[in-house]
Amino acid sequence: MRNEQRFQLRPAIEDDIPALHLLIEASVRGLQSGDYTPAQIEGALGTVLGLDTQLIADGTYFVAEIPDHNGEARMRVAGCGGWSKRKTLFGADRGPGRLPELLDPAVDAAKVRAIFVHPDFARRGLGSLILATVEEAATGAGFRRFEMGSTLTGVPLYRLKGYVEVERIAVPLANGEALPVVRMVKGGVPKSAAGWSPHSLH
């Protein structure tokens, strides 16, 4: 059986947090170095690029696992991703622009959040699987439109999945760098970028 057919997705729990931190760092360092400088990556990890544990508390974040090479009894974390019913567009617990207010599915777009794949499982369809799972879950909660703050690395995949670029945002980092983030939407253009107006790139 091919690896992409053996991925199993489940809701993340608090006990997954240490493994998710490790996976996200490995993903960013291993897969995004072609789009961001080392200084941008260092400045963004744990703030702009990282885990928002509110998603775990809300039950809207998922872990993708695959049986370890040593046997079926042990599972390895291969990827993660989720969606949010809150206004925050992107970022970790210590990230900028956090807006915890709840969205209205009748008028607002669900936020697609923090999809990361371990480099060992890149280009095996896992990112697409996580995205489809996230969209299905958000649709089940009544949302009909989606919005995200994508990394430059993720843009080609999301374009293929029907997302449209709205704007590019330069997010200031504590080390003096700025991280370009691409605001993308699917199913219509929301009126605002969830409070993000500074440093738009044109």
C-alpha atoms as a PDB file:
ATOM      1  CA  MET A   1       0.000   0.000   0.000  1.00  0.00           C
ATOM      2  CA  ARG A   2       1.392   3.424  -0.927  1.00  0.00           C
ATOM      3  CA  ASN A   3       2.175   5.857   1.898  1.00  0.00           C
ATOM      4  CA  GLU A   4      -0.370   8.468   0.843  1.00  0.00           C
ATOM      5  CA  GLN A   5      -3.108   5.860   1.220  1.00  0.00           C
ATOM      6  CA  ARG A   6      -2.121   5.113   4.797  1.00  0.00           C
ATOM      7  CA  PHE A   7      -2.283   8.582   6.334  1.00  0.00           C
ATOM      8  CA  GLN A   8      -4.818   8.790   9.148  1.00  0.00           C
ATOM      9  CA  LEU A   9      -6.246  12.103  10.316  1.00  0.00           C
ATOM     10  CA  ARG A  10      -7.704  12.711  13.746  1.00  0.00           C
ATOM     11  CA  PRO A  11      -8.439  15.746  15.935  1.00  0.00           C
ATOM     12  CA  ALA A  12      -5.346  16.978  17.760  1.00  0.00           C
ATOM     13  CA  ILE A  13      -5.270  16.790  21.550  1.00  0.00           C
ATOM     14  CA  GLU A  14      -3.186  18.579  24.163  1.00  0.00           C
ATOM     15  CA  ASP A  15      -0.773  15.649  24.418  1.00  0.00           C
ATOM     16  CA  ASP A  16       0.161  16.199  20.747  1.00  0.00           C
ATOM     17  CA  ILE A  17       1.525  19.704  21.361  1.00  0.00           C
ATOM     18  CA  PRO A  18       5.229  18.805  21.861  1.00  0.00           C
ATOM     19  CA  ALA A  19       5.259  16.647  18.715  1.00  0.00           C
ATOM     20  CA  LEU A  20       3.457  19.343  16.730  1.00  0.00           C
ATOM     21  CA  HIS A  21       6.034  21.970  17.702  1.00  0.00           C
ATOM     22  CA  LEU A  22       8.789  19.686  16.437  1.00  0.00           C
ATOM     23  CA  LEU A  23       6.947  18.864  13.226  1.00  0.00           C
ATOM     24  CA  ILE A  24       6.213  22.509  12.424  1.00  0.00           C
ATOM     25  CA  GLU A  25       9.835  23.530  12.922  1.00  0.00           C
ATOM     26  CA  ALA A  26      11.045  20.655  10.746  1.00  0.00           C
ATOM     27  CA  SER A  27       8.517  21.578   8.061  1.00  0.00           C
ATOM     28  CA  VAL A  28       9.439  25.256   8.017  1.00  0.00           C
ATOM     29  CA  ARG A  29      13.183  24.636   7.998  1.00  0.00           C
ATOM     30  CA  GLY A  30      13.008  21.799   5.496  1.00  0.00           C
ATOM     31  CA  LEU A  31      10.421  23.032   3.007  1.00  0.00           C
ATOM     32  CA  GLN A  32      10.358  26.824   3.169  1.00  0.00           C
ATOM     33  CA  SER A  33      14.053  27.664   2.906  1.00  0.00           C
ATOM     34  CA  GLY A  34      13.642  28.248  -0.827  1.00  0.00           C
ATOM     35  CA  ASP A  35      11.161  31.078  -0.222  1.00  0.00           C
ATOM     36  CA  TYR A  36      12.419  32.677   2.992  1.00  0.00           C
ATOM     37  CA  THR A  37      15.857  33.635   4.274  1.00  0.00           C
ATOM     38  CA  PRO A  38      17.348  31.995   7.390  1.00  0.00           C
ATOM     39  CA  ALA A  39      16.773  35.250   9.282  1.00  0.00           C
ATOM     40  CA  GLN A  40      13.103  35.345   8.269  1.00  0.00           C
ATOM     41  CA  ILE A  41      12.635  31.728   9.336  1.00  0.00           C
ATOM     42  CA  GLU A  42      14.315  32.278  12.690  1.00  0.00           C
ATOM     43  CA  GLY A  43      12.231  35.372  13.347  1.00  0.00           C
ATOM     44  CA  ALA A  44       8.953  33.752  12.315  1.00  0.00           C
ATOM     45  CA  LEU A  45       9.164  30.391  14.086  1.00  0.00           C
ATOM     46  CA  GLY A  46       6.980  30.371  17.170  1.00  0.00           C
ATOM     47  CA  THR A  47       5.174  33.571  16.277  1.00  0.00           C
ATOM     48  CA  VAL A  48       3.981  33.913  12.682  1.00  0.00           C
ATOM     49  CA  LEU A  49       4.783  30.294  11.862  1.00  0.00           C
ATOM     50  CA  GLY A  50       3.758  27.985  14.658  1.00  0.00           C
ATOM     51  CA  LEU A  51       1.001  26.295  16.589  1.00  0.00           C
ATOM     52  CA  ASP A  52      -2.121  28.084  17.797  1.00  0.00           C
ATOM     53  CA  THR A  53      -3.274  25.910  20.682  1.00  0.00           C
ATOM     54  CA  GLN A  54      -6.674  27.637  20.666  1.00  0.00           C
ATOM     55  CA  LEU A  55      -7.463  25.508  17.618  1.00  0.00           C
ATOM     56  CA  ILE A  56      -6.810  22.357  19.626  1.00  0.00           C
ATOM     57  CA  ALA A  57      -9.052  23.638  22.416  1.00  0.00           C
ATOM     58  CA  ASP A  58     -11.756  24.399  19.845  1.00  0.00           C
ATOM     59  CA  GLY A  59     -11.476  20.916  18.321  1.00  0.00           C
ATOM     60  CA  THR A  60     -10.643  22.293  14.867  1.00  0.00           C
ATOM     61  CA  TYR A  61      -7.030  21.170  14.453  1.00  0.00           C
ATOM     62  CA  PHE A  62      -5.977  17.840  12.972  1.00  0.00           C
ATOM     63  CA  VAL A  63      -2.977  15.549  13.143  1.00  0.00           C
ATOM     64  CA  ALA A  64      -2.023  13.341  10.213  1.00  0.00           C
ATOM     65  CA  GLU A  65      -0.290  10.122  11.229  1.00  0.00           C
ATOM     66  CA  ILE A  66       1.219   7.164   9.435  1.00  0.00           C
ATOM     67  CA  PRO A  67       2.350   3.798  10.805  1.00  0.00           C
ATOM     68  CA  ASP A  68       6.003   3.877  11.764  1.00  0.00           C
ATOM     69  CA  HIS A  69       8.458   1.723   9.833  1.00  0.00           C
ATOM     70  CA  ASN A  70       8.806  -0.408  12.950  1.00  0.00           C
ATOM     71  CA  GLY A  71       5.215  -1.608  12.798  1.00  0.00           C
ATOM     72  CA  GLU A  72       1.533  -0.735  12.894  1.00  0.00           C
ATOM     73  CA  ALA A  73       1.389  -0.257  16.658  1.00  0.00           C
ATOM     74  CA  ARG A  74       3.409   2.970  16.592  1.00  0.00           C
ATOM     75  CA  MET A  75       2.235   6.029  14.679  1.00  0.00           C
ATOM     76  CA  ARG A  76       4.411   8.859  13.391  1.00  0.00           C
ATOM     77  CA  VAL A  77       3.151  12.429  13.050  1.00  0.00           C
ATOM     78  CA  ALA A  78       3.457  13.351   9.364  1.00  0.00           C
ATOM     79  CA  GLY A  79       1.483  16.583   9.101  1.00  0.00           C
ATOM     80  CA  CYS A  80      -1.040  18.866  10.719  1.00  0.00           C
ATOM     81  CA  GLY A  81      -3.523  21.593   9.901  1.00  0.00           C
ATOM     82  CA  GLY A  82      -6.848  23.030  10.861  1.00  0.00           C
ATOM     83  CA  TRP A  83      -9.455  25.698  10.554  1.00  0.00           C
ATOM     84  CA  SER A  84     -10.760  28.376  12.862  1.00  0.00           C
ATOM     85  CA  LYS A  85     -14.148  29.809  13.742  1.00  0.00           C
ATOM     86  CA  ARG A  86     -12.310  32.836  15.141  1.00  0.00           C
ATOM     87  CA  LYS A  87     -11.062  35.977  13.422  1.00  0.00           C
ATOM     88  CA  THR A  88      -7.310  35.372  13.767  1.00  0.00           C
ATOM     89  CA  LEU A  89      -5.947  34.852  10.247  1.00  0.00           C
ATOM     90  CA  PHE A  90      -2.589  33.236  11.025  1.00  0.00           C
ATOM     91  CA  GLY A  91       0.092  32.861  13.665  1.00  0.00           C
ATOM     92  CA  ALA A  92       1.004  30.916  16.792  1.00  0.00           C
ATOM     93  CA  ASP A  93       0.025  31.517  20.418  1.00  0.00           C
ATOM     94  CA  ARG A  94       2.534  34.367  20.551  1.00  0.00           C
ATOM     95  CA  GLY A  95       1.742  35.590  17.071  1.00  0.00           C
ATOM     96  CA  PRO A  96       0.701  39.105  16.032  1.00  0.00           C
ATOM     97  CA  GLY A  97      -2.797  40.322  15.313  1.00  0.00           C
ATOM     98  CA  ARG A  98      -4.678  37.766  17.404  1.00  0.00           C
ATOM     99  CA  LEU A  99      -8.446  38.259  17.279  1.00  0.00           C
ATOM    100  CA  PRO A 100     -10.304  35.640  19.350  1.00  0.00           C
ATOM    101  CA  GLU A 101     -13.813  36.832  18.463  1.00  0.00           C
ATOM    102  CA  LEU A 102     -16.054  34.214  16.872  1.00  0.00           C
ATOM    103  CA  LEU A 103     -16.982  34.331  13.197  1.00  0.00           C
ATOM    104  CA  ASP A 104     -20.516  34.165  11.808  1.00  0.00           C
ATOM    105  CA  PRO A 105     -20.776  31.335   9.254  1.00  0.00           C
ATOM    106  CA  ALA A 106     -23.587  33.178   7.486  1.00  0.00           C
ATOM    107  CA  VAL A 107     -21.363  36.098   6.516  1.00  0.00           C
ATOM    108  CA  ASP A 108     -17.753  35.260   7.380  1.00  0.00           C
ATOM    109  CA  ALA A 109     -15.138  32.973   5.864  1.00  0.00           C
ATOM    110  CA  ALA A 110     -13.668  30.181   7.959  1.00  0.00           C
ATOM    111  CA  LYS A 111      -9.931  30.612   8.483  1.00  0.00           C
ATOM    112  CA  VAL A 112      -7.753  27.804   7.139  1.00  0.00           C
ATOM    113  CA  ARG A 113      -4.876  27.597   9.603  1.00  0.00           C
ATOM    114  CA  ALA A 114      -1.364  26.264   9.981  1.00  0.00           C
ATOM    115  CA  ILE A 115      -1.084  23.399   7.491  1.00  0.00           C
ATOM    116  CA  PHE A 116       2.372  21.838   7.780  1.00  0.00           C
ATOM    117  CA  VAL A 117       3.840  18.626   6.345  1.00  0.00           C
ATOM    118  CA  HIS A 118       7.026  16.962   7.544  1.00  0.00           C
ATOM    119  CA  PRO A 119       9.706  17.001   4.815  1.00  0.00           C
ATOM    120  CA  ASP A 120       9.816  13.198   4.850  1.00  0.00           C
ATOM    121  CA  PHE A 121       6.232  13.166   3.559  1.00  0.00           C
ATOM    122  CA  ALA A 122       6.304  16.103   1.148  1.00  0.00           C
ATOM    123  CA  ARG A 123       4.815  15.744  -2.326  1.00  0.00           C
ATOM    124  CA  ARG A 124       2.758  12.690  -1.414  1.00  0.00           C
ATOM    125  CA  GLY A 125      -0.642  14.366  -1.437  1.00  0.00           C
ATOM    126  CA  LEU A 126      -0.742  14.926   2.311  1.00  0.00           C
ATOM    127  CA  GLY A 127      -1.144  18.698   2.121  1.00  0.00           C
ATOM    128  CA  SER A 128      -4.117  18.243  -0.197  1.00  0.00           C
ATOM    129  CA  LEU A 129      -5.607  15.627   2.120  1.00  0.00           C
ATOM    130  CA  ILE A 130      -5.308  17.904   5.151  1.00  0.00           C
ATOM    131  CA  LEU A 131      -6.803  20.841   3.245  1.00  0.00           C
ATOM    132  CA  ALA A 132      -9.764  18.748   2.064  1.00  0.00           C
ATOM    133  CA  THR A 133     -10.358  17.507   5.614  1.00  0.00           C
ATOM    134  CA  VAL A 134     -10.231  21.043   6.971  1.00  0.00           C
ATOM    135  CA  GLU A 135     -12.637  22.391   4.358  1.00  0.00           C
ATOM    136  CA  GLU A 136     -15.071  19.522   4.951  1.00  0.00           C
ATOM    137  CA  ALA A 137     -15.038  20.130   8.699  1.00  0.00           C
ATOM    138  CA  ALA A 138     -15.589  23.881   8.305  1.00  0.00           C
ATOM    139  CA  THR A 139     -18.383  23.267   5.814  1.00  0.00           C
ATOM    140  CA  GLY A 140     -19.998  20.938   8.324  1.00  0.00           C
ATOM    141  CA  ALA A 141     -19.983  23.826  10.793  1.00  0.00           C
ATOM    142  CA  GLY A 142     -21.931  25.989   8.357  1.00  0.00           C
ATOM    143  CA  PHE A 143     -19.149  27.910   6.595  1.00  0.00           C
ATOM    144  CA  ARG A 144     -19.269  28.322   2.832  1.00  0.00           C
ATOM    145  CA  ARG A 145     -16.195  30.458   2.234  1.00  0.00           C
ATOM    146  CA  PHE A 146     -12.559  30.091   3.253  1.00  0.00           C
ATOM    147  CA  GLU A 147      -9.697  32.491   3.907  1.00  0.00           C
ATOM    148  CA  MET A 148      -6.056  31.936   4.819  1.00  0.00           C
ATOM    149  CA  GLY A 149      -2.721  33.618   5.350  1.00  0.00           C
ATOM    150  CA  SER A 150      -0.475  31.396   3.240  1.00  0.00           C
ATOM    151  CA  THR A 151       3.276  31.161   3.216  1.00  0.00           C
ATOM    152  CA  LEU A 152       4.930  31.744  -0.151  1.00  0.00           C
ATOM    153  CA  THR A 153       5.666  28.015  -0.217  1.00  0.00           C
ATOM    154  CA  GLY A 154       2.001  27.065   0.035  1.00  0.00           C
ATOM    155  CA  VAL A 155       0.648  29.389  -2.662  1.00  0.00           C
ATOM    156  CA  PRO A 156       1.030  27.023  -5.669  1.00  0.00           C
ATOM    157  CA  LEU A 157      -0.940  24.241  -3.953  1.00  0.00           C
ATOM    158  CA  TYR A 158      -3.700  26.549  -2.780  1.00  0.00           C
ATOM    159  CA  ARG A 159      -4.069  28.076  -6.232  1.00  0.00           C
ATOM    160  CA  LEU A 160      -4.576  24.579  -7.617  1.00  0.00           C
ATOM    161  CA  LYS A 161      -7.296  24.033  -4.998  1.00  0.00           C
ATOM    162  CA  GLY A 162      -9.263  27.123  -6.039  1.00  0.00           C
ATOM    163  CA  TYR A 163      -7.839  29.793  -3.749  1.00  0.00           C
ATOM    164  CA  VAL A 164      -7.263  33.282  -5.140  1.00  0.00           C
ATOM    165  CA  GLU A 165      -4.602  35.711  -3.945  1.00  0.00           C
ATOM    166  CA  VAL A 166      -6.043  38.921  -2.505  1.00  0.00           C
ATOM    167  CA  GLU A 167      -2.988  40.669  -1.117  1.00  0.00           C
ATOM    168  CA  ARG A 168       0.492  40.181   0.259  1.00  0.00           C
ATOM    169  CA  ILE A 169       1.228  41.274   3.803  1.00  0.00           C
ATOM    170  CA  ALA A 170       4.717  41.946   5.180  1.00  0.00           C
ATOM    171  CA  VAL A 171       4.486  40.829   8.800  1.00  0.00           C
ATOM    172  CA  PRO A 172       7.091  42.553  11.016  1.00  0.00           C
ATOM    173  CA  LEU A 173       9.272  40.175  13.041  1.00  0.00           C
ATOM    174  CA  ALA A 174      10.979  40.800  16.370  1.00  0.00           C
ATOM    175  CA  ASN A 175      14.454  40.449  14.823  1.00  0.00           C
ATOM    176  CA  GLY A 176      13.842  43.311  12.424  1.00  0.00           C
ATOM    177  CA  GLU A 177      12.955  41.137   9.441  1.00  0.00           C
ATOM    178  CA  ALA A 178       9.551  40.966   7.761  1.00  0.00           C
ATOM    179  CA  LEU A 179       7.787  37.817   6.565  1.00  0.00           C
ATOM    180  CA  PRO A 180       5.685  37.985   3.385  1.00  0.00           C
ATOM    181  CA  VAL A 181       2.339  36.252   3.927  1.00  0.00           C
ATOM    182  CA  VAL A 182      -0.219  35.849   1.152  1.00  0.00           C
ATOM    183  CA  ARG A 183      -3.870  36.376   1.975  1.00  0.00           C
ATOM    184  CA  MET A 184      -5.948  33.981  -0.145  1.00  0.00           C
ATOM    185  CA  VAL A 185      -9.654  33.276  -0.375  1.00  0.00           C
ATOM    186  CA  LYS A 186     -11.982  30.672  -1.831  1.00  0.00           C
ATOM    187  CA  GLY A 187     -15.671  31.124  -2.495  1.00  0.00           C
ATOM    188  CA  GLY A 188     -15.684  34.939  -2.426  1.00  0.00           C
ATOM    189  CA  VAL A 189     -13.598  37.834  -1.145  1.00  0.00           C
ATOM    190  CA  PRO A 190     -14.081  38.810   2.525  1.00  0.00           C
ATOM    191  CA  LYS A 191     -14.354  42.533   3.187  1.00  0.00           C
ATOM    192  CA  SER A 192     -11.241  42.771   5.358  1.00  0.00           C
ATOM    193  CA  ALA A 193      -8.164  40.761   6.245  1.00  0.00           C
ATOM    194  CA  ALA A 194      -9.148  40.036   9.821  1.00  0.00           C
ATOM    195  CA  GLY A 195      -7.579  43.179  11.140  1.00  0.00           C
ATOM    196  CA  TRP A 196      -4.422  42.959   9.053  1.00  0.00           C
ATOM    197  CA  SER A 197      -3.744  46.243   7.286  1.00  0.00           C
ATOM    198  CA  PRO A 198      -0.099  47.113   7.996  1.00  0.00           C
ATOM    199  CA  HIS A 199       2.637  46.666   5.439  1.00  0.00           C
ATOM    200  CA  SER A 200       0.579  45.391   2.529  1.00  0.00           C
ATOM    201  CA  LEU A 201       2.765  44.504  -0.454  1.00  0.00           C
ATOM    202  CA  HIS A 202       1.673  45.641  -3.895  1.00  0.00           C
END
